[in-house]
Amino acid sequence: MAKPTRSRRGKPPGRSGGAAQTYAALDLGTNNCRLLIAEKSASGGLRIVDSYSQIVALGEGLAASGRLSDLAMNRAMDALKKCSDKVKKHKPAQARFIATQACRQASNGRAFVSEVRRRVGLNMETISPKEEAKFALLGSLDLVDPESDFALVIDIGGGSTELSWIDARSASARGVKGCALRAPILGWASFPVGVVTLSESFAGEDRYARMKEHVSGLMRANDAASRFGPLFRAGRGQVIGNSGTVTSLAAVHMGLDRYLRAAVDGAWLDRMALLQTMARLRDATPEQRAAEPCLAGGRSELMLPGIAILTAIFDIWPSDRLRVGDRGLREGILLSMMHGANTDQRSRSRRRGGRAQRAKSPSNAGAAE
């Protein structure tokens, strides 16, 4: 997949040459609400025509109460109304609006999704962790190094962390359409730890050490540690990170005065040098982290739990370099729709989804695709 590009100025929004169809994808996570509207480029990638992103902190207080709070739901509802207005403006040929961990976890998550449909008109659906893993792969496909045997795609969210291990050579050979139809995922795992939930669950001077110990314990208990850990320690694996934790960390590591997507997306970072940056941020005071120019908008408060998660991942599945992607679920969803895999995949998932997902432990690695 080519890097997502913007429509050229002077073109009507949503049209390139007046003939292309637009597609819309919305991702409502534990911390952010994001919308992306795009058309298919000549190369089969994405040409972005409109977007929206807002921190809504939907999962605020969820770790303690098990419920979405009224204030959090109201914030999310306001953002979703703005997204709905954009969708109506562009009239996409296909659209998909997804909710992830916060709505999966909350006892009132299903009721909230139904209320969104009623009040805003967006047909929201709560997807499984396995679907998240697949879309993360599709969105990052052009970051896969075919010289590696395996790749680990990591998505550190607000309420959970999704990991998927893929056959790197097969992914490169199949391309976007082939992976949209059948992603070469060798294993996947969803861990109920994200930057928001960890931040709310751990306090005190030694919170970083306890966060990392907690995350490491969950990950080492998963059979993916023994299945794929030795392969990565042998130098056969590549690590790809496309979450806000990774992109923000990359911008700090690169010493940027302000966040620049063009500089961050696709960058290769040396792991040992990156660990030094992570240690510096770990040992900094909250005020020092907040002073980092690329950690504005509350991002600095979430860096410590993000670093704890990323360090635990590196300890178990190391790679000499980290590939950074400023893209994620929305891009994967768009590509899935554009390449004709969306309808069939969703109908099969709905036929078999509920019972299988409930029977599986949230942290168990899935079987090969």
Protein backbone atom coordinates (compact mmCIF):
# COMPACT_ATOMS: atom_id res chain seq x y z
CA MET A 1 0.00 0.00 0.00
CA ALA A 2 1.32 3.42 -0.91
CA LYS A 3 1.38 6.03 1.80
CA PRO A 4 -2.00 7.76 2.14
CA THR A 5 -2.01 11.00 0.18
CA ARG A 6 -4.23 14.05 0.15
CA SER A 7 -6.40 15.12 -2.78
CA ARG A 8 -4.85 17.96 -4.75
CA ARG A 9 -6.09 21.46 -4.07
CA GLY A 10 -8.74 22.65 -6.47
CA LYS A 11 -10.43 19.27 -6.68
CA PRO A 12 -13.89 18.95 -5.14
CA PRO A 13 -13.70 17.01 -1.84
CA GLY A 14 -14.13 13.30 -2.33
CA ARG A 15 -13.47 13.34 -6.07
CA SER A 16 -10.32 12.98 -8.13
CA GLY A 17 -11.09 13.79 -11.74
CA GLY A 18 -14.81 13.71 -10.87
CA ALA A 19 -15.26 9.93 -11.08
CA ALA A 20 -13.75 8.25 -8.02
CA GLN A 21 -15.94 6.84 -5.25
CA THR A 22 -15.30 7.75 -1.65
CA TYR A 23 -15.22 5.40 1.35
CA ALA A 24 -15.50 6.23 5.04
CA ALA A 25 -14.06 4.50 8.12
CA LEU A 26 -14.58 5.54 11.73
CA ASP A 27 -12.67 4.17 14.71
CA LEU A 28 -14.06 4.92 18.18
CA GLY A 29 -11.45 3.79 20.67
CA THR A 30 -10.89 4.13 24.38
CA ASN A 31 -9.23 7.52 24.00
CA ASN A 32 -9.85 8.83 20.48
CA CYS A 33 -12.58 9.18 17.90
CA ARG A 34 -11.17 9.17 14.37
CA LEU A 35 -12.78 9.39 10.96
CA LEU A 36 -11.11 8.99 7.58
CA ILE A 37 -12.77 9.53 4.20
CA ALA A 38 -10.76 8.52 1.16
CA GLU A 39 -10.90 7.40 -2.43
CA LYS A 40 -8.89 4.68 -4.10
CA SER A 41 -5.74 5.92 -5.80
CA ALA A 42 -4.48 4.71 -9.16
CA SER A 43 -1.92 2.53 -7.39
CA GLY A 44 -4.59 0.85 -5.24
CA GLY A 45 -3.78 2.83 -2.11
CA LEU A 46 -5.63 5.68 -0.43
CA ARG A 47 -6.14 9.29 -1.42
CA ILE A 48 -7.49 11.05 1.67
CA VAL A 49 -10.17 13.65 1.04
CA ASP A 50 -11.33 14.41 4.60
CA SER A 51 -10.58 13.41 8.19
CA TYR A 52 -11.45 14.10 11.80
CA SER A 53 -9.74 13.25 15.07
CA GLN A 54 -10.75 14.14 18.60
CA ILE A 55 -9.68 12.91 22.04
CA VAL A 56 -12.92 11.90 23.78
CA ALA A 57 -11.55 9.69 26.61
CA LEU A 58 -14.50 7.30 26.27
CA GLY A 59 -12.79 4.85 28.63
CA GLU A 60 -12.22 7.38 31.40
CA GLY A 61 -12.96 5.64 34.71
CA LEU A 62 -13.79 2.35 32.98
CA ALA A 63 -11.05 0.37 34.72
CA ALA A 64 -12.55 1.14 38.13
CA SER A 65 -16.28 1.15 37.39
CA GLY A 66 -16.64 -1.30 34.50
CA ARG A 67 -18.98 1.20 32.83
CA LEU A 68 -18.81 4.11 30.40
CA SER A 69 -19.55 7.30 32.31
CA ASP A 70 -22.24 9.76 31.24
CA LEU A 71 -19.65 12.50 30.72
CA ALA A 72 -17.48 10.25 28.55
CA MET A 73 -20.44 9.10 26.46
CA ASN A 74 -21.56 12.71 25.95
CA ARG A 75 -18.07 13.69 24.75
CA ALA A 76 -18.02 10.79 22.34
CA MET A 77 -21.55 11.52 21.14
CA ASP A 78 -20.60 15.12 20.31
CA ALA A 79 -17.59 13.94 18.29
CA LEU A 80 -19.66 11.29 16.51
CA LYS A 81 -22.21 13.92 15.46
CA LYS A 82 -19.41 15.87 13.78
CA CYS A 83 -18.28 12.69 12.05
CA SER A 84 -21.82 12.02 10.90
CA ASP A 85 -22.00 15.48 9.33
CA LYS A 86 -18.82 14.81 7.36
CA VAL A 87 -20.09 11.43 6.19
CA LYS A 88 -23.35 12.99 4.99
CA LYS A 89 -21.40 15.67 3.12
CA HIS A 90 -19.27 13.18 1.19
CA LYS A 91 -21.92 10.46 0.68
CA PRO A 92 -19.45 7.55 0.56
CA ALA A 93 -20.16 4.47 -1.55
CA GLN A 94 -19.36 2.31 1.47
CA ALA A 95 -18.78 3.14 5.12
CA ARG A 96 -17.93 1.24 8.27
CA PHE A 97 -18.07 2.64 11.79
CA ILE A 98 -16.37 0.56 14.47
CA ALA A 99 -15.98 0.61 18.22
CA THR A 100 -13.22 -1.27 20.00
CA GLN A 101 -12.04 -2.11 23.51
CA ALA A 102 -13.98 0.40 25.61
CA CYS A 103 -17.30 -0.73 24.16
CA ARG A 104 -16.24 -4.39 24.30
CA GLN A 105 -15.31 -4.10 27.97
CA ALA A 106 -17.99 -1.82 29.39
CA SER A 107 -21.15 -3.37 30.77
CA ASN A 108 -23.12 -0.61 29.03
CA GLY A 109 -21.04 -0.64 25.85
CA ARG A 110 -23.70 -2.34 23.77
CA ALA A 111 -26.38 0.07 24.98
CA PHE A 112 -24.13 3.02 24.09
CA VAL A 113 -23.59 1.71 20.55
CA SER A 114 -27.37 1.34 20.14
CA GLU A 115 -27.87 4.89 21.40
CA VAL A 116 -25.37 6.17 18.82
CA ARG A 117 -27.40 4.51 16.07
CA ARG A 118 -30.60 6.07 17.39
CA ARG A 119 -29.36 9.61 18.07
CA VAL A 120 -26.62 10.10 15.49
CA GLY A 121 -27.58 7.69 12.74
CA LEU A 122 -24.19 5.96 12.53
CA ASN A 123 -24.56 2.18 12.32
CA MET A 124 -21.79 1.45 14.82
CA GLU A 125 -20.50 -2.08 15.39
CA THR A 126 -18.15 -3.43 18.03
CA ILE A 127 -15.48 -5.54 16.35
CA SER A 128 -13.43 -8.38 17.80
CA PRO A 129 -9.72 -8.13 18.69
CA LYS A 130 -8.93 -10.45 15.79
CA GLU A 131 -10.58 -8.08 13.34
CA GLU A 132 -8.54 -5.26 14.85
CA ALA A 133 -5.37 -7.25 14.23
CA LYS A 134 -6.29 -7.84 10.59
CA PHE A 135 -7.10 -4.18 9.90
CA ALA A 136 -3.88 -3.07 11.62
CA LEU A 137 -1.98 -5.36 9.25
CA LEU A 138 -3.77 -4.05 6.14
CA GLY A 139 -3.09 -0.47 7.14
CA SER A 140 0.61 -1.22 7.61
CA LEU A 141 1.18 -3.63 4.74
CA ASP A 142 3.65 -1.48 2.84
CA LEU A 143 5.79 -1.28 5.99
CA VAL A 144 6.44 -5.03 5.95
CA ASP A 145 10.03 -5.95 5.09
CA PRO A 146 9.96 -9.00 2.74
CA GLU A 147 13.54 -9.78 3.78
CA SER A 148 12.25 -10.76 7.22
CA ASP A 149 10.57 -14.10 7.79
CA PHE A 150 8.06 -12.72 10.28
CA ALA A 151 6.60 -9.39 11.31
CA LEU A 152 4.91 -8.33 14.52
CA VAL A 153 2.32 -5.56 14.11
CA ILE A 154 1.57 -3.78 17.37
CA ASP A 155 -1.35 -1.48 18.13
CA ILE A 156 -1.19 0.05 21.61
CA GLY A 157 -4.61 1.52 22.25
CA GLY A 158 -6.25 3.28 25.15
CA GLY A 159 -7.90 0.18 26.57
CA SER A 160 -6.10 -2.77 25.00
CA THR A 161 -3.02 -3.77 23.06
CA GLU A 162 -3.44 -5.87 19.91
CA LEU A 163 -0.55 -7.89 18.53
CA SER A 164 -0.45 -9.95 15.34
CA TRP A 165 2.38 -12.10 14.02
CA ILE A 166 2.41 -12.50 10.27
CA ASP A 167 4.27 -14.33 7.54
CA ALA A 168 6.17 -11.34 6.14
CA ARG A 169 7.05 -12.88 2.79
CA SER A 170 3.50 -14.06 2.14
CA ALA A 171 2.10 -10.66 3.12
CA SER A 172 4.39 -8.90 0.64
CA ALA A 173 3.62 -11.42 -2.10
CA ARG A 174 -0.16 -11.30 -1.66
CA GLY A 175 -0.42 -7.53 -1.66
CA VAL A 176 -3.35 -5.51 -0.36
CA LYS A 177 -6.11 -7.39 -2.18
CA GLY A 178 -4.77 -10.82 -1.28
CA CYS A 179 -4.29 -9.88 2.37
CA ALA A 180 -7.73 -8.26 2.51
CA LEU A 181 -9.25 -11.54 1.40
CA ARG A 182 -7.00 -13.74 3.55
CA ALA A 183 -4.42 -12.13 5.78
CA PRO A 184 -1.34 -14.34 6.46
CA ILE A 185 -1.72 -13.98 10.23
CA LEU A 186 0.15 -16.74 12.06
CA GLY A 187 -1.14 -15.70 15.47
CA TRP A 188 -2.84 -12.83 17.22
CA ALA A 189 -3.37 -11.72 20.78
CA SER A 190 -5.35 -9.04 22.56
CA PHE A 191 -4.21 -7.90 25.99
CA PRO A 192 -6.58 -5.88 28.22
CA VAL A 193 -3.96 -3.21 28.89
CA GLY A 194 -3.82 0.16 27.18
CA VAL A 195 -2.37 3.56 27.96
CA VAL A 196 -5.58 4.81 29.58
CA THR A 197 -6.39 1.70 31.62
CA LEU A 198 -2.81 1.37 32.87
CA SER A 199 -2.62 5.06 33.75
CA GLU A 200 -5.82 4.79 35.80
CA SER A 201 -4.88 1.48 37.46
CA PHE A 202 -1.40 2.33 38.75
CA ALA A 203 -0.31 5.25 40.93
CA GLY A 204 2.67 6.04 43.14
CA GLU A 205 6.37 6.60 42.68
CA ASP A 206 7.06 3.06 41.47
CA ARG A 207 4.11 2.94 39.07
CA TYR A 208 6.26 2.44 35.96
CA ALA A 209 7.94 -0.69 37.35
CA ARG A 210 4.59 -2.12 38.43
CA MET A 211 2.98 -1.34 35.08
CA LYS A 212 5.77 -3.03 33.17
CA GLU A 213 5.70 -6.06 35.49
CA HIS A 214 1.94 -6.38 35.03
CA VAL A 215 2.11 -6.15 31.24
CA SER A 216 5.09 -8.51 31.03
CA GLY A 217 3.27 -11.07 33.14
CA LEU A 218 0.26 -11.06 30.83
CA MET A 219 2.36 -11.31 27.70
CA ARG A 220 4.74 -14.01 28.95
CA ALA A 221 1.75 -16.13 30.00
CA ASN A 222 0.55 -16.11 26.40
CA ASP A 223 1.75 -18.95 24.19
CA ALA A 224 2.89 -16.38 21.61
CA ALA A 225 5.89 -15.73 23.89
CA SER A 226 7.18 -19.26 23.40
CA ARG A 227 5.93 -19.63 19.80
CA PHE A 228 7.42 -16.47 18.36
CA GLY A 229 9.87 -15.19 20.99
CA PRO A 230 12.76 -17.46 19.92
CA LEU A 231 12.24 -16.53 16.26
CA PHE A 232 12.56 -12.83 17.02
CA ARG A 233 15.54 -13.37 19.31
CA ALA A 234 17.18 -15.20 16.40
CA GLY A 235 16.84 -12.07 14.25
CA ARG A 236 14.11 -13.41 11.97
CA GLY A 237 11.40 -10.93 12.89
CA GLN A 238 10.50 -7.31 12.22
CA VAL A 239 8.46 -5.08 14.56
CA ILE A 240 5.97 -2.54 13.18
CA GLY A 241 4.28 -0.02 15.46
CA ASN A 242 1.40 2.17 14.31
CA SER A 243 -0.17 3.51 17.50
CA GLY A 244 -0.11 6.99 19.02
CA THR A 245 2.44 5.84 21.58
CA VAL A 246 4.84 4.76 18.86
CA THR A 247 4.38 7.76 16.57
CA SER A 248 4.70 10.26 19.41
CA LEU A 249 7.75 8.45 20.75
CA ALA A 250 9.31 8.47 17.27
CA ALA A 251 8.78 12.23 16.95
CA VAL A 252 10.47 12.84 20.32
CA HIS A 253 13.30 10.47 19.39
CA MET A 254 13.84 12.31 16.11
CA GLY A 255 13.96 15.67 17.93
CA LEU A 256 11.15 17.25 15.93
CA ASP A 257 10.02 20.75 16.93
CA ARG A 258 6.47 19.75 16.01
CA TYR A 259 4.86 16.53 14.89
CA LEU A 260 5.34 15.89 11.16
CA ARG A 261 3.58 12.87 9.75
CA ALA A 262 5.76 12.87 6.63
CA ALA A 263 8.88 12.51 8.80
CA VAL A 264 7.46 9.85 11.13
CA ASP A 265 5.43 7.58 8.86
CA GLY A 266 7.61 4.79 7.48
CA ALA A 267 10.68 5.70 9.55
CA TRP A 268 13.10 3.00 10.71
CA LEU A 269 14.34 3.49 14.28
CA ASP A 270 17.26 1.66 15.86
CA ARG A 271 15.94 -0.23 18.88
CA MET A 272 18.90 0.41 21.18
CA ALA A 273 18.87 4.15 20.47
CA LEU A 274 15.10 4.20 20.90
CA LEU A 275 15.41 2.48 24.27
CA GLN A 276 17.61 5.36 25.42
CA THR A 277 14.90 7.85 24.47
CA MET A 278 12.34 5.72 26.27
CA ALA A 279 14.53 5.65 29.39
CA ARG A 280 14.91 9.43 29.28
CA LEU A 281 11.15 9.93 29.13
CA ARG A 282 10.61 7.28 31.80
CA ASP A 283 12.95 9.04 34.22
CA ALA A 284 11.67 12.54 33.44
CA THR A 285 9.22 14.38 35.66
CA PRO A 286 5.64 14.88 34.41
CA GLU A 287 6.48 18.53 33.82
CA GLN A 288 9.54 17.62 31.73
CA ARG A 289 7.52 15.20 29.61
CA ALA A 290 4.80 17.81 29.12
CA ALA A 291 7.45 20.25 27.85
CA GLU A 292 8.28 17.96 24.92
CA PRO A 293 6.92 19.75 21.81
CA CYS A 294 5.54 16.54 20.28
CA LEU A 295 3.71 15.44 23.42
CA ALA A 296 1.05 18.12 23.52
CA GLY A 297 -2.67 17.64 23.99
CA GLY A 298 -2.42 15.30 26.95
CA ARG A 299 -0.17 12.82 25.14
CA SER A 300 2.62 13.31 27.72
CA GLU A 301 0.40 11.88 30.48
CA LEU A 302 0.00 8.64 28.54
CA MET A 303 3.61 8.14 27.50
CA LEU A 304 4.70 6.35 30.68
CA PRO A 305 2.18 3.49 30.35
CA GLY A 306 2.84 3.39 26.61
CA ILE A 307 6.56 2.99 27.20
CA ALA A 308 5.88 0.25 29.76
CA ILE A 309 3.87 -1.70 27.16
CA LEU A 310 6.40 -1.17 24.37
CA THR A 311 9.32 -2.18 26.62
CA ALA A 312 7.54 -5.40 27.57
CA ILE A 313 7.00 -6.17 23.88
CA PHE A 314 10.65 -5.54 23.02
CA ASP A 315 11.78 -7.78 25.90
CA ILE A 316 9.81 -10.75 24.55
CA TRP A 317 9.86 -10.15 20.77
CA PRO A 318 13.00 -8.10 20.07
CA SER A 319 14.03 -6.67 16.71
CA ASP A 320 17.05 -4.59 15.82
CA ARG A 321 14.84 -1.88 14.36
CA LEU A 322 11.29 -0.60 14.74
CA ARG A 323 9.29 0.49 11.69
CA VAL A 324 6.87 3.31 12.46
CA GLY A 325 3.52 3.76 10.77
CA ASP A 326 1.23 6.75 11.20
CA ARG A 327 -1.81 4.79 10.14
CA GLY A 328 -3.95 2.06 11.62
CA LEU A 329 -7.43 0.60 11.76
CA ARG A 330 -9.14 3.22 9.60
CA GLU A 331 -6.73 2.71 6.73
CA GLY A 332 -7.09 -1.05 7.01
CA ILE A 333 -10.89 -0.83 6.99
CA LEU A 334 -10.86 1.46 3.95
CA LEU A 335 -8.57 -0.86 2.00
CA SER A 336 -10.71 -3.85 2.94
CA MET A 337 -13.79 -2.14 1.51
CA MET A 338 -12.01 -0.85 -1.58
CA HIS A 339 -10.68 -4.29 -2.45
CA GLY A 340 -14.00 -6.06 -2.04
CA ALA A 341 -13.29 -8.08 1.09
CA ASN A 342 -15.57 -6.23 3.49
CA THR A 343 -19.01 -7.78 2.89
CA ASP A 344 -18.00 -11.43 2.75
CA GLN A 345 -15.71 -11.15 5.76
CA ARG A 346 -18.35 -9.43 7.88
CA SER A 347 -21.08 -11.92 7.05
CA ARG A 348 -18.82 -14.86 7.94
CA SER A 349 -17.73 -13.11 11.15
CA ARG A 350 -21.31 -12.52 12.23
CA ARG A 351 -22.31 -16.12 11.58
CA ARG A 352 -19.60 -17.53 13.80
CA GLY A 353 -18.39 -14.55 15.86
CA GLY A 354 -20.23 -14.32 19.16
CA ARG A 355 -19.78 -17.80 20.63
CA ALA A 356 -16.19 -18.20 19.44
CA GLN A 357 -15.09 -14.87 20.86
CA ARG A 358 -16.69 -15.47 24.25
CA ALA A 359 -15.06 -18.88 24.49
CA LYS A 360 -11.59 -17.46 23.91
CA SER A 361 -9.59 -15.85 26.70
CA PRO A 362 -8.90 -12.18 25.88
CA SER A 363 -5.16 -12.81 25.94
CA ASN A 364 -5.00 -16.08 24.02
CA ALA A 365 -3.19 -16.07 20.72
CA GLY A 366 -5.35 -17.09 17.80
CA ALA A 367 -4.70 -19.87 15.33
CA ALA A 368 -3.05 -19.31 12.00
CA GLU A 369 -5.08 -17.90 9.15
